[in-house]
Amino acid sequence: MRIATYSLRFAPAIGGIETVLSVLAEEFAKLGHEVLLLTQSHSCAPDAFPYSVVRGATMRDARAAAKWCDLYLLNNVSFYHALAALWFGKPFAIIHHGLEPKGRGVQEIKRLLKRTIGSLGRSIAVSRYMAQQVPGSPMVICNPYDNTTFRERPDVVRDSDLIFVGRLVKEKGVDVLLEALVILRNRNLRPRLTIVGDGPRKTNLTEKARSLDLCGQVEFSGYRTGEDLACLLNGHRILVVPSVWEEPFGVVALEGSGCGCVVVASDAGGLKEAVGPCGLTFKSGCAKELAVCLEGLLRHPARLVEFRSRAAEHLSMHSREYVAERYLSEFRRIVAEASQP
């Protein structure tokens, strides 16, 4: 099958959509399908993927991709790429990774046009939560993670307490996590926290940690990716995902579980689905509830062992191989339906 796929952002940009698209494209190619990936993201280094990548994609590229492919896969709705698929009579599917916010004037007209044209393709939601937000009745295929990279490593000593991984922006809730550490300190618990990532709030968060007298407990380690990040996760007991916005899913929770961390996450959006039976959730934005969850795990290590024992079955439903085959089964169905007179 010839699969053309479009995403506004792609590697070297870092994020959930970029991760999921990379994993799926690699698996499609590994299984013998031809993949052409179009994106607006540029890269200074030459691409070395097992599939073709067109960067800075234009409408001409979109038309050429639509003419070439058997199926056009869009990561979120793109008006022009959906239009290209319709122009050449090619079936297309849309993976809904998130919702486009309502705007005003021309922006709102564009959003409504995208929603209208998107309704002509097959909708796939990355979580049950997202399926409830998207018009119609989209199929749910929960996100995969890179299980070949994010796995347990017996050679790494798990001797650190808490770790956070994500962009340092308000929506990711690191402030809530720092406030929870203060509550734990007042209960005679002083776990160490590694903050992995970078972003516009790094200076503010560093200053907040200092003002809360947490500098001896908190380490900012900058961006980590791939094997480096997997090794770092393997050295920690608990991954905290304190997002205060409604995450469509939360691949980082799968990555943490895959590396043997117990996940403690907010109950915002699709995070609960990503965590599954591998950890705990708390009320989004509530430092007190987060502190209670962490205290229970830190004082009773046997609970960590219990949560880890539940991970294998949950993670198997999110492996790159399993999820890619679910997508391909749906693609075959879409193409077969489109070929019927």
C-alpha atoms as a PDB file:
ATOM      1  CA  MET A   1       0.000   0.000   0.000  1.00  0.00           C
ATOM      2  CA  ARG A   2       1.205   3.526  -0.777  1.00  0.00           C
ATOM      3  CA  ILE A   3       0.536   5.758   2.217  1.00  0.00           C
ATOM      4  CA  ALA A   4       0.988   9.520   2.090  1.00  0.00           C
ATOM      5  CA  THR A   5       0.829  11.251   5.456  1.00  0.00           C
ATOM      6  CA  TYR A   6       0.895  14.902   6.472  1.00  0.00           C
ATOM      7  CA  SER A   7       1.785  16.526   9.775  1.00  0.00           C
ATOM      8  CA  LEU A   8       2.378  20.211  10.397  1.00  0.00           C
ATOM      9  CA  ARG A   9       5.237  19.314  12.774  1.00  0.00           C
ATOM     10  CA  PHE A  10       7.718  16.446  12.617  1.00  0.00           C
ATOM     11  CA  ALA A  11      11.203  15.582  13.838  1.00  0.00           C
ATOM     12  CA  PRO A  12      13.489  17.213  14.813  1.00  0.00           C
ATOM     13  CA  ALA A  13      10.590  18.968  16.586  1.00  0.00           C
ATOM     14  CA  ILE A  14       9.736  17.195  19.854  1.00  0.00           C
ATOM     15  CA  GLY A  15       6.216  16.300  20.945  1.00  0.00           C
ATOM     16  CA  GLY A  16       3.553  13.633  21.133  1.00  0.00           C
ATOM     17  CA  ILE A  17       2.356  13.915  17.530  1.00  0.00           C
ATOM     18  CA  GLU A  18       5.928  13.814  16.242  1.00  0.00           C
ATOM     19  CA  THR A  19       6.662  10.702  18.301  1.00  0.00           C
ATOM     20  CA  VAL A  20       3.528   8.833  17.249  1.00  0.00           C
ATOM     21  CA  LEU A  21       3.951   9.669  13.562  1.00  0.00           C
ATOM     22  CA  SER A  22       7.594   8.569  13.578  1.00  0.00           C
ATOM     23  CA  VAL A  23       6.724   5.242  15.214  1.00  0.00           C
ATOM     24  CA  LEU A  24       3.833   4.520  12.829  1.00  0.00           C
ATOM     25  CA  ALA A  25       5.726   5.525   9.674  1.00  0.00           C
ATOM     26  CA  GLU A  26       8.654   3.286  10.638  1.00  0.00           C
ATOM     27  CA  GLU A  27       6.362   0.332  11.278  1.00  0.00           C
ATOM     28  CA  PHE A  28       4.432   0.838   8.028  1.00  0.00           C
ATOM     29  CA  ALA A  29       7.715   0.888   6.110  1.00  0.00           C
ATOM     30  CA  LYS A  30       9.047  -2.142   8.008  1.00  0.00           C
ATOM     31  CA  LEU A  31       5.947  -4.089   6.954  1.00  0.00           C
ATOM     32  CA  GLY A  32       6.632  -3.354   3.292  1.00  0.00           C
ATOM     33  CA  HIS A  33       4.393  -0.353   2.653  1.00  0.00           C
ATOM     34  CA  GLU A  34       5.607   2.724   0.800  1.00  0.00           C
ATOM     35  CA  VAL A  35       5.401   5.832   2.977  1.00  0.00           C
ATOM     36  CA  LEU A  36       5.672   9.460   1.893  1.00  0.00           C
ATOM     37  CA  LEU A  37       5.665  11.917   4.796  1.00  0.00           C
ATOM     38  CA  LEU A  38       4.951  15.613   4.217  1.00  0.00           C
ATOM     39  CA  THR A  39       5.591  18.261   6.858  1.00  0.00           C
ATOM     40  CA  GLN A  40       6.272  21.948   7.368  1.00  0.00           C
ATOM     41  CA  SER A  41       9.135  21.234   9.783  1.00  0.00           C
ATOM     42  CA  HIS A  42      12.643  21.818   8.497  1.00  0.00           C
ATOM     43  CA  SER A  43      15.854  20.078   9.524  1.00  0.00           C
ATOM     44  CA  CYS A  44      19.492  21.100   9.325  1.00  0.00           C
ATOM     45  CA  ALA A  45      20.651  17.488   9.030  1.00  0.00           C
ATOM     46  CA  PRO A  46      19.862  15.173   6.109  1.00  0.00           C
ATOM     47  CA  ASP A  47      17.018  12.726   6.725  1.00  0.00           C
ATOM     48  CA  ALA A  48      17.882   9.067   7.234  1.00  0.00           C
ATOM     49  CA  PHE A  49      14.440   7.530   7.653  1.00  0.00           C
ATOM     50  CA  PRO A  50      13.262   4.276   6.020  1.00  0.00           C
ATOM     51  CA  TYR A  51      10.659   6.344   4.139  1.00  0.00           C
ATOM     52  CA  SER A  52      10.588   9.537   2.084  1.00  0.00           C
ATOM     53  CA  VAL A  53      10.164  12.936   3.757  1.00  0.00           C
ATOM     54  CA  VAL A  54       9.134  16.192   2.046  1.00  0.00           C
ATOM     55  CA  ARG A  55       9.867  19.238   4.225  1.00  0.00           C
ATOM     56  CA  GLY A  56       8.299  22.643   3.773  1.00  0.00           C
ATOM     57  CA  ALA A  57       5.520  20.881   1.852  1.00  0.00           C
ATOM     58  CA  THR A  58       3.606  23.015  -0.639  1.00  0.00           C
ATOM     59  CA  MET A  59       0.210  22.573  -2.252  1.00  0.00           C
ATOM     60  CA  ARG A  60       2.013  21.191  -5.289  1.00  0.00           C
ATOM     61  CA  ASP A  61       3.593  18.549  -3.035  1.00  0.00           C
ATOM     62  CA  ALA A  62       0.163  17.784  -1.556  1.00  0.00           C
ATOM     63  CA  ARG A  63      -1.343  17.242  -5.001  1.00  0.00           C
ATOM     64  CA  ALA A  64       1.567  15.034  -6.078  1.00  0.00           C
ATOM     65  CA  ALA A  65       1.254  12.973  -2.877  1.00  0.00           C
ATOM     66  CA  ALA A  66      -2.504  12.597  -3.309  1.00  0.00           C
ATOM     67  CA  LYS A  67      -2.102  11.495  -6.925  1.00  0.00           C
ATOM     68  CA  TRP A  68       0.552   8.922  -5.933  1.00  0.00           C
ATOM     69  CA  CYS A  69      -0.969   7.356  -2.811  1.00  0.00           C
ATOM     70  CA  ASP A  70      -3.599   4.722  -2.138  1.00  0.00           C
ATOM     71  CA  LEU A  71      -4.566   6.480   1.091  1.00  0.00           C
ATOM     72  CA  TYR A  72      -3.824   9.930   2.527  1.00  0.00           C
ATOM     73  CA  LEU A  73      -3.352  10.020   6.306  1.00  0.00           C
ATOM     74  CA  LEU A  74      -3.678  13.405   8.017  1.00  0.00           C
ATOM     75  CA  ASN A  75      -2.433  14.093  11.537  1.00  0.00           C
ATOM     76  CA  ASN A  76      -5.183  16.500  12.612  1.00  0.00           C
ATOM     77  CA  VAL A  77      -7.356  18.141   9.956  1.00  0.00           C
ATOM     78  CA  SER A  78      -5.587  19.942   7.119  1.00  0.00           C
ATOM     79  CA  PHE A  79      -7.911  21.699   4.698  1.00  0.00           C
ATOM     80  CA  TYR A  80      -5.499  21.740   1.745  1.00  0.00           C
ATOM     81  CA  HIS A  81      -4.281  18.158   2.068  1.00  0.00           C
ATOM     82  CA  ALA A  82      -7.820  16.812   2.511  1.00  0.00           C
ATOM     83  CA  LEU A  83      -8.859  18.855  -0.529  1.00  0.00           C
ATOM     84  CA  ALA A  84      -5.977  17.348  -2.540  1.00  0.00           C
ATOM     85  CA  ALA A  85      -7.134  13.835  -1.635  1.00  0.00           C
ATOM     86  CA  LEU A  86     -10.702  14.648  -2.647  1.00  0.00           C
ATOM     87  CA  TRP A  87      -9.545  16.204  -5.919  1.00  0.00           C
ATOM     88  CA  PHE A  88      -7.881  12.948  -6.985  1.00  0.00           C
ATOM     89  CA  GLY A  89     -10.644  10.778  -5.559  1.00  0.00           C
ATOM     90  CA  LYS A  90      -8.392   9.204  -2.936  1.00  0.00           C
ATOM     91  CA  PRO A  91      -9.663   8.044   0.453  1.00  0.00           C
ATOM     92  CA  PHE A  92      -8.233   9.840   3.447  1.00  0.00           C
ATOM     93  CA  ALA A  93      -8.202   9.346   7.196  1.00  0.00           C
ATOM     94  CA  ILE A  94      -7.646  11.860   9.968  1.00  0.00           C
ATOM     95  CA  ILE A  95      -5.978  11.064  13.271  1.00  0.00           C
ATOM     96  CA  HIS A  96      -7.411  13.492  15.815  1.00  0.00           C
ATOM     97  CA  HIS A  97      -4.533  14.261  18.192  1.00  0.00           C
ATOM     98  CA  GLY A  98      -6.220  17.403  19.513  1.00  0.00           C
ATOM     99  CA  LEU A  99      -8.877  19.995  18.849  1.00  0.00           C
ATOM    100  CA  GLU A 100      -8.452  23.282  17.071  1.00  0.00           C
ATOM    101  CA  PRO A 101      -9.641  26.085  19.376  1.00  0.00           C
ATOM    102  CA  LYS A 102     -12.501  28.320  18.342  1.00  0.00           C
ATOM    103  CA  GLY A 103     -11.461  31.638  16.845  1.00  0.00           C
ATOM    104  CA  ARG A 104     -13.001  34.810  15.516  1.00  0.00           C
ATOM    105  CA  GLY A 105     -13.763  36.101  12.051  1.00  0.00           C
ATOM    106  CA  VAL A 106     -11.652  34.521   9.317  1.00  0.00           C
ATOM    107  CA  GLN A 107      -9.986  32.156  11.786  1.00  0.00           C
ATOM    108  CA  GLU A 108     -13.332  30.719  12.850  1.00  0.00           C
ATOM    109  CA  ILE A 109     -14.463  30.380   9.216  1.00  0.00           C
ATOM    110  CA  LYS A 110     -11.278  28.391   8.483  1.00  0.00           C
ATOM    111  CA  ARG A 111     -11.917  26.142  11.487  1.00  0.00           C
ATOM    112  CA  LEU A 112     -15.465  25.413  10.338  1.00  0.00           C
ATOM    113  CA  LEU A 113     -14.302  24.716   6.780  1.00  0.00           C
ATOM    114  CA  LYS A 114     -11.688  22.288   8.099  1.00  0.00           C
ATOM    115  CA  ARG A 115     -14.318  20.555  10.213  1.00  0.00           C
ATOM    116  CA  THR A 116     -16.654  20.276   7.201  1.00  0.00           C
ATOM    117  CA  ILE A 117     -14.056  18.842   4.855  1.00  0.00           C
ATOM    118  CA  GLY A 118     -12.712  16.632   7.609  1.00  0.00           C
ATOM    119  CA  SER A 119     -16.110  15.007   7.978  1.00  0.00           C
ATOM    120  CA  LEU A 120     -15.641  13.532   4.491  1.00  0.00           C
ATOM    121  CA  GLY A 121     -12.719  11.384   5.659  1.00  0.00           C
ATOM    122  CA  ARG A 122     -12.471   8.544   8.177  1.00  0.00           C
ATOM    123  CA  SER A 123     -11.939   9.878  11.693  1.00  0.00           C
ATOM    124  CA  ILE A 124      -9.643   8.146  14.172  1.00  0.00           C
ATOM    125  CA  ALA A 125      -9.297   9.389  17.754  1.00  0.00           C
ATOM    126  CA  VAL A 126      -6.169   8.742  19.851  1.00  0.00           C
ATOM    127  CA  SER A 127      -8.210   8.130  23.020  1.00  0.00           C
ATOM    128  CA  ARG A 128     -11.776   7.612  24.165  1.00  0.00           C
ATOM    129  CA  TYR A 129     -11.589  11.109  25.617  1.00  0.00           C
ATOM    130  CA  MET A 130     -10.767  12.557  22.175  1.00  0.00           C
ATOM    131  CA  ALA A 131     -13.536  10.500  20.579  1.00  0.00           C
ATOM    132  CA  GLN A 132     -16.014  12.331  22.799  1.00  0.00           C
ATOM    133  CA  GLN A 133     -14.718  15.697  21.586  1.00  0.00           C
ATOM    134  CA  VAL A 134     -14.785  14.967  17.843  1.00  0.00           C
ATOM    135  CA  PRO A 135     -18.047  15.211  15.849  1.00  0.00           C
ATOM    136  CA  GLY A 136     -19.485  11.952  14.565  1.00  0.00           C
ATOM    137  CA  SER A 137     -18.414   8.532  15.783  1.00  0.00           C
ATOM    138  CA  PRO A 138     -14.645   8.267  15.269  1.00  0.00           C
ATOM    139  CA  MET A 139     -12.842   4.970  15.644  1.00  0.00           C
ATOM    140  CA  VAL A 140     -10.548   4.852  18.699  1.00  0.00           C
ATOM    141  CA  ILE A 141      -6.976   3.665  18.247  1.00  0.00           C
ATOM    142  CA  CYS A 142      -4.955   4.658  21.290  1.00  0.00           C
ATOM    143  CA  ASN A 143      -1.441   5.937  20.699  1.00  0.00           C
ATOM    144  CA  PRO A 144       1.622   3.707  20.503  1.00  0.00           C
ATOM    145  CA  TYR A 145       5.002   4.282  22.113  1.00  0.00           C
ATOM    146  CA  ASP A 146       8.478   3.216  21.038  1.00  0.00           C
ATOM    147  CA  ASN A 147       8.709  -0.029  23.010  1.00  0.00           C
ATOM    148  CA  THR A 148      12.070  -0.893  21.428  1.00  0.00           C
ATOM    149  CA  THR A 149      13.630   2.150  23.110  1.00  0.00           C
ATOM    150  CA  PHE A 150      11.543   2.636  26.247  1.00  0.00           C
ATOM    151  CA  ARG A 151      12.065  -0.667  28.029  1.00  0.00           C
ATOM    152  CA  GLU A 152      13.474  -1.801  31.351  1.00  0.00           C
ATOM    153  CA  ARG A 153      17.280  -2.093  31.562  1.00  0.00           C
ATOM    154  CA  PRO A 154      18.595  -4.387  34.304  1.00  0.00           C
ATOM    155  CA  ASP A 155      22.020  -2.724  34.128  1.00  0.00           C
ATOM    156  CA  VAL A 156      20.627   0.655  35.281  1.00  0.00           C
ATOM    157  CA  VAL A 157      20.298   1.163  39.048  1.00  0.00           C
ATOM    158  CA  ARG A 158      16.875   2.517  40.012  1.00  0.00           C
ATOM    159  CA  ASP A 159      17.974   4.700  42.915  1.00  0.00           C
ATOM    160  CA  SER A 160      16.218   8.032  42.233  1.00  0.00           C
ATOM    161  CA  ASP A 161      12.741   9.080  43.313  1.00  0.00           C
ATOM    162  CA  LEU A 162      10.657  11.344  41.046  1.00  0.00           C
ATOM    163  CA  ILE A 163      11.012  12.427  37.429  1.00  0.00           C
ATOM    164  CA  PHE A 164       9.044  14.808  35.202  1.00  0.00           C
ATOM    165  CA  VAL A 165       9.420  14.803  31.402  1.00  0.00           C
ATOM    166  CA  GLY A 166       7.904  17.503  29.194  1.00  0.00           C
ATOM    167  CA  ARG A 167       7.991  21.058  27.936  1.00  0.00           C
ATOM    168  CA  LEU A 168       8.350  23.653  30.641  1.00  0.00           C
ATOM    169  CA  VAL A 169       5.117  25.502  29.967  1.00  0.00           C
ATOM    170  CA  LYS A 170       2.254  26.381  32.304  1.00  0.00           C
ATOM    171  CA  GLU A 171      -0.015  23.665  30.889  1.00  0.00           C
ATOM    172  CA  LYS A 172       2.310  20.869  32.018  1.00  0.00           C
ATOM    173  CA  GLY A 173       1.726  21.674  35.711  1.00  0.00           C
ATOM    174  CA  VAL A 174       5.272  21.635  37.104  1.00  0.00           C
ATOM    175  CA  ASP A 175       4.191  24.360  39.565  1.00  0.00           C
ATOM    176  CA  VAL A 176       1.719  21.883  41.058  1.00  0.00           C
ATOM    177  CA  LEU A 177       4.483  19.309  41.451  1.00  0.00           C
ATOM    178  CA  LEU A 178       6.778  21.773  43.242  1.00  0.00           C
ATOM    179  CA  GLU A 179       3.950  22.716  45.600  1.00  0.00           C
ATOM    180  CA  ALA A 180       3.371  19.014  46.330  1.00  0.00           C
ATOM    181  CA  LEU A 181       7.039  18.668  47.295  1.00  0.00           C
ATOM    182  CA  VAL A 182       6.566  21.383  49.918  1.00  0.00           C
ATOM    183  CA  ILE A 183       3.572  19.497  51.349  1.00  0.00           C
ATOM    184  CA  LEU A 184       5.651  16.291  51.468  1.00  0.00           C
ATOM    185  CA  ARG A 185       8.494  18.115  53.218  1.00  0.00           C
ATOM    186  CA  ASN A 186       6.055  19.170  55.929  1.00  0.00           C
ATOM    187  CA  ARG A 187       5.313  15.453  56.340  1.00  0.00           C
ATOM    188  CA  ASN A 188       9.015  14.625  56.705  1.00  0.00           C
ATOM    189  CA  LEU A 189       9.419  13.310  53.157  1.00  0.00           C
ATOM    190  CA  ARG A 190      12.053  14.859  50.890  1.00  0.00           C
ATOM    191  CA  PRO A 191      12.102  12.947  47.591  1.00  0.00           C
ATOM    192  CA  ARG A 192      14.468  14.141  44.899  1.00  0.00           C
ATOM    193  CA  LEU A 193      12.946  15.328  41.604  1.00  0.00           C
ATOM    194  CA  THR A 194      14.565  15.359  38.170  1.00  0.00           C
ATOM    195  CA  ILE A 195      12.918  17.781  35.719  1.00  0.00           C
ATOM    196  CA  VAL A 196      13.618  16.784  32.121  1.00  0.00           C
ATOM    197  CA  GLY A 197      12.794  19.299  29.411  1.00  0.00           C
ATOM    198  CA  ASP A 198      13.084  22.932  28.492  1.00  0.00           C
ATOM    199  CA  GLY A 199      10.760  25.773  27.639  1.00  0.00           C
ATOM    200  CA  PRO A 200       9.756  29.369  28.305  1.00  0.00           C
ATOM    201  CA  ARG A 201       9.023  28.790  32.005  1.00  0.00           C
ATOM    202  CA  LYS A 202      12.372  27.259  32.951  1.00  0.00           C
ATOM    203  CA  THR A 203      13.645  30.464  34.582  1.00  0.00           C
ATOM    204  CA  ASN A 204      10.367  30.961  36.486  1.00  0.00           C
ATOM    205  CA  LEU A 205      10.355  27.369  37.693  1.00  0.00           C
ATOM    206  CA  THR A 206      14.003  27.563  38.760  1.00  0.00           C
ATOM    207  CA  GLU A 207      13.212  30.691  40.746  1.00  0.00           C
ATOM    208  CA  LYS A 208      10.121  29.065  42.261  1.00  0.00           C
ATOM    209  CA  ALA A 209      12.121  26.036  43.371  1.00  0.00           C
ATOM    210  CA  ARG A 210      14.608  28.405  45.003  1.00  0.00           C
ATOM    211  CA  SER A 211      11.903  30.454  46.725  1.00  0.00           C
ATOM    212  CA  LEU A 212      10.335  27.255  48.099  1.00  0.00           C
ATOM    213  CA  ASP A 213      13.739  26.117  49.381  1.00  0.00           C
ATOM    214  CA  LEU A 214      13.690  23.064  47.094  1.00  0.00           C
ATOM    215  CA  CYS A 215      17.014  23.591  45.319  1.00  0.00           C
ATOM    216  CA  GLY A 216      18.589  20.659  47.156  1.00  0.00           C
ATOM    217  CA  GLN A 217      15.798  18.360  45.970  1.00  0.00           C
ATOM    218  CA  VAL A 218      15.206  19.510  42.384  1.00  0.00           C
ATOM    219  CA  GLU A 219      17.525  19.097  39.397  1.00  0.00           C
ATOM    220  CA  PHE A 220      16.839  20.600  35.960  1.00  0.00           C
ATOM    221  CA  SER A 221      18.505  18.290  33.438  1.00  0.00           C
ATOM    222  CA  GLY A 222      17.430  19.883  30.115  1.00  0.00           C
ATOM    223  CA  TYR A 223      16.131  18.001  27.087  1.00  0.00           C
ATOM    224  CA  ARG A 224      16.759  14.269  26.829  1.00  0.00           C
ATOM    225  CA  THR A 225      15.515  12.014  24.040  1.00  0.00           C
ATOM    226  CA  GLY A 226      15.744   8.424  22.836  1.00  0.00           C
ATOM    227  CA  GLU A 227      18.116   6.039  24.591  1.00  0.00           C
ATOM    228  CA  ASP A 228      19.420   8.800  26.850  1.00  0.00           C
ATOM    229  CA  LEU A 229      15.925   9.546  28.159  1.00  0.00           C
ATOM    230  CA  ALA A 230      15.105   5.836  28.491  1.00  0.00           C
ATOM    231  CA  CYS A 231      18.179   5.265  30.657  1.00  0.00           C
ATOM    232  CA  LEU A 232      17.268   8.250  32.826  1.00  0.00           C
ATOM    233  CA  LEU A 233      13.701   6.955  33.311  1.00  0.00           C
ATOM    234  CA  ASN A 234      15.103   3.543  34.276  1.00  0.00           C
ATOM    235  CA  GLY A 235      16.955   5.205  37.119  1.00  0.00           C
ATOM    236  CA  HIS A 236      13.758   6.582  38.697  1.00  0.00           C
ATOM    237  CA  ARG A 237      10.881   5.001  40.624  1.00  0.00           C
ATOM    238  CA  ILE A 238       8.005   7.375  39.868  1.00  0.00           C
ATOM    239  CA  LEU A 239       7.139   9.430  36.785  1.00  0.00           C
ATOM    240  CA  VAL A 240       4.900  12.404  37.560  1.00  0.00           C
ATOM    241  CA  VAL A 241       2.672  13.861  34.808  1.00  0.00           C
ATOM    242  CA  PRO A 242       0.918  16.817  36.495  1.00  0.00           C
ATOM    243  CA  SER A 243      -0.685  18.421  33.416  1.00  0.00           C
ATOM    244  CA  VAL A 244      -3.309  21.065  34.155  1.00  0.00           C
ATOM    245  CA  TRP A 245      -4.752  21.026  30.624  1.00  0.00           C
ATOM    246  CA  GLU A 246      -6.705  18.190  29.064  1.00  0.00           C
ATOM    247  CA  GLU A 247      -4.079  16.059  27.358  1.00  0.00           C
ATOM    248  CA  PRO A 248      -5.496  14.222  24.318  1.00  0.00           C
ATOM    249  CA  PHE A 249      -3.570  11.131  25.458  1.00  0.00           C
ATOM    250  CA  GLY A 250      -0.085  11.201  27.034  1.00  0.00           C
ATOM    251  CA  VAL A 251       2.569   9.035  25.372  1.00  0.00           C
ATOM    252  CA  VAL A 252       5.079   9.970  28.088  1.00  0.00           C
ATOM    253  CA  ALA A 253       3.072   7.865  30.550  1.00  0.00           C
ATOM    254  CA  LEU A 254       3.612   4.796  28.335  1.00  0.00           C
ATOM    255  CA  GLU A 255       7.309   5.591  28.002  1.00  0.00           C
ATOM    256  CA  GLY A 256       7.651   5.839  31.770  1.00  0.00           C
ATOM    257  CA  SER A 257       5.767   2.584  32.381  1.00  0.00           C
ATOM    258  CA  GLY A 258       7.848   0.868  29.719  1.00  0.00           C
ATOM    259  CA  CYS A 259      10.990   1.865  31.619  1.00  0.00           C
ATOM    260  CA  GLY A 260       9.647   0.520  34.916  1.00  0.00           C
ATOM    261  CA  CYS A 261       8.374   3.745  36.469  1.00  0.00           C
ATOM    262  CA  VAL A 262       5.090   3.875  38.330  1.00  0.00           C
ATOM    263  CA  VAL A 263       3.126   6.780  36.860  1.00  0.00           C
ATOM    264  CA  VAL A 264       1.304   9.403  38.917  1.00  0.00           C
ATOM    265  CA  ALA A 265      -0.692  11.677  36.599  1.00  0.00           C
ATOM    266  CA  SER A 266      -3.479  14.214  36.692  1.00  0.00           C
ATOM    267  CA  ASP A 267      -6.907  13.068  35.597  1.00  0.00           C
ATOM    268  CA  ALA A 268      -7.038  15.640  32.792  1.00  0.00           C
ATOM    269  CA  GLY A 269      -8.217  14.493  29.366  1.00  0.00           C
ATOM    270  CA  GLY A 270      -6.903  11.188  28.075  1.00  0.00           C
ATOM    271  CA  LEU A 271      -4.127  10.769  30.641  1.00  0.00           C
ATOM    272  CA  LYS A 272      -6.106   8.220  32.650  1.00  0.00           C
ATOM    273  CA  GLU A 273      -6.238   5.990  29.566  1.00  0.00           C
ATOM    274  CA  ALA A 274      -2.485   6.271  29.060  1.00  0.00           C
ATOM    275  CA  VAL A 275      -1.760   5.448  32.708  1.00  0.00           C
ATOM    276  CA  GLY A 276      -4.195   2.540  32.833  1.00  0.00           C
ATOM    277  CA  PRO A 277      -3.475   0.137  35.722  1.00  0.00           C
ATOM    278  CA  CYS A 278       0.183   1.187  35.877  1.00  0.00           C
ATOM    279  CA  GLY A 279      -0.207   4.014  38.375  1.00  0.00           C
ATOM    280  CA  LEU A 280      -2.416   6.588  40.068  1.00  0.00           C
ATOM    281  CA  THR A 281      -4.292   9.707  38.998  1.00  0.00           C
ATOM    282  CA  PHE A 282      -5.180  12.792  41.011  1.00  0.00           C
ATOM    283  CA  LYS A 283      -7.449  15.788  40.503  1.00  0.00           C
ATOM    284  CA  SER A 284      -5.886  18.102  37.940  1.00  0.00           C
ATOM    285  CA  GLY A 285      -4.218  21.119  39.559  1.00  0.00           C
ATOM    286  CA  CYS A 286      -4.543  19.793  43.124  1.00  0.00           C
ATOM    287  CA  ALA A 287      -1.139  19.723  44.841  1.00  0.00           C
ATOM    288  CA  LYS A 288      -2.666  18.172  47.990  1.00  0.00           C
ATOM    289  CA  GLU A 289      -4.036  15.158  46.107  1.00  0.00           C
ATOM    290  CA  LEU A 290      -0.747  14.752  44.254  1.00  0.00           C
ATOM    291  CA  ALA A 291       1.121  14.806  47.571  1.00  0.00           C
ATOM    292  CA  VAL A 292      -1.191  12.115  48.976  1.00  0.00           C
ATOM    293  CA  CYS A 293      -0.528   9.847  45.962  1.00  0.00           C
ATOM    294  CA  LEU A 294       3.225  10.337  46.193  1.00  0.00           C
ATOM    295  CA  GLU A 295       3.307   9.845  49.954  1.00  0.00           C
ATOM    296  CA  GLY A 296       1.492   6.538  49.673  1.00  0.00           C
ATOM    297  CA  LEU A 297       3.997   5.212  47.148  1.00  0.00           C
ATOM    298  CA  LEU A 298       7.089   6.588  48.893  1.00  0.00           C
ATOM    299  CA  ARG A 299       6.120   5.173  52.301  1.00  0.00           C
ATOM    300  CA  HIS A 300       4.952   1.821  50.918  1.00  0.00           C
ATOM    301  CA  PRO A 301       7.430   0.615  48.247  1.00  0.00           C
ATOM    302  CA  ALA A 302       5.524  -2.664  47.899  1.00  0.00           C
ATOM    303  CA  ARG A 303       2.842  -0.717  46.049  1.00  0.00           C
ATOM    304  CA  LEU A 304       5.411   0.200  43.404  1.00  0.00           C
ATOM    305  CA  VAL A 305       6.072  -3.482  42.787  1.00  0.00           C
ATOM    306  CA  GLU A 306       2.327  -4.123  42.510  1.00  0.00           C
ATOM    307  CA  PHE A 307       1.800  -1.400  39.911  1.00  0.00           C
ATOM    308  CA  ARG A 308       4.827  -2.541  37.881  1.00  0.00           C
ATOM    309  CA  SER A 309       3.435  -6.065  37.763  1.00  0.00           C
ATOM    310  CA  ARG A 310       0.384  -4.753  35.903  1.00  0.00           C
ATOM    311  CA  ALA A 311       2.316  -2.941  33.200  1.00  0.00           C
ATOM    312  CA  ALA A 312       3.060  -5.692  30.667  1.00  0.00           C
ATOM    313  CA  GLU A 313      -0.532  -6.339  29.563  1.00  0.00           C
ATOM    314  CA  HIS A 314      -1.378  -2.627  29.347  1.00  0.00           C
ATOM    315  CA  LEU A 315       1.759  -1.807  27.373  1.00  0.00           C
ATOM    316  CA  SER A 316       1.216  -4.680  24.929  1.00  0.00           C
ATOM    317  CA  MET A 317      -1.896  -2.864  23.677  1.00  0.00           C
ATOM    318  CA  HIS A 318       0.263   0.179  22.891  1.00  0.00           C
ATOM    319  CA  SER A 319       3.295  -1.460  21.310  1.00  0.00           C
ATOM    320  CA  ARG A 320       4.367  -0.057  17.965  1.00  0.00           C
ATOM    321  CA  GLU A 321       3.665  -3.394  16.262  1.00  0.00           C
ATOM    322  CA  TYR A 322       0.157  -3.821  17.678  1.00  0.00           C
ATOM    323  CA  VAL A 323      -1.000  -0.251  17.002  1.00  0.00           C
ATOM    324  CA  ALA A 324       0.500  -0.139  13.491  1.00  0.00           C
ATOM    325  CA  GLU A 325      -1.386  -3.306  12.560  1.00  0.00           C
ATOM    326  CA  ARG A 326      -4.632  -1.814  13.879  1.00  0.00           C
ATOM    327  CA  TYR A 327      -4.113   1.205  11.635  1.00  0.00           C
ATOM    328  CA  LEU A 328      -3.251  -0.928   8.623  1.00  0.00           C
ATOM    329  CA  SER A 329      -6.357  -3.067   9.109  1.00  0.00           C
ATOM    330  CA  GLU A 330      -8.454   0.096   9.078  1.00  0.00           C
ATOM    331  CA  PHE A 331      -6.590   1.450   6.024  1.00  0.00           C
ATOM    332  CA  ARG A 332      -7.304  -1.755   4.089  1.00  0.00           C
ATOM    333  CA  ARG A 333     -10.968  -1.422   4.944  1.00  0.00           C
ATOM    334  CA  ILE A 334     -11.047   2.235   3.867  1.00  0.00           C
ATOM    335  CA  VAL A 335      -9.309   1.517   0.552  1.00  0.00           C
ATOM    336  CA  ALA A 336     -11.543  -1.472  -0.161  1.00  0.00           C
ATOM    337  CA  GLU A 337     -14.686   0.587   0.497  1.00  0.00           C
ATOM    338  CA  ALA A 338     -13.418   3.374  -1.738  1.00  0.00           C
ATOM    339  CA  SER A 339     -12.807   0.965  -4.622  1.00  0.00           C
ATOM    340  CA  GLN A 340     -16.363  -0.335  -4.600  1.00  0.00           C
ATOM    341  CA  PRO A 341     -18.599   1.066  -7.370  1.00  0.00           C
END
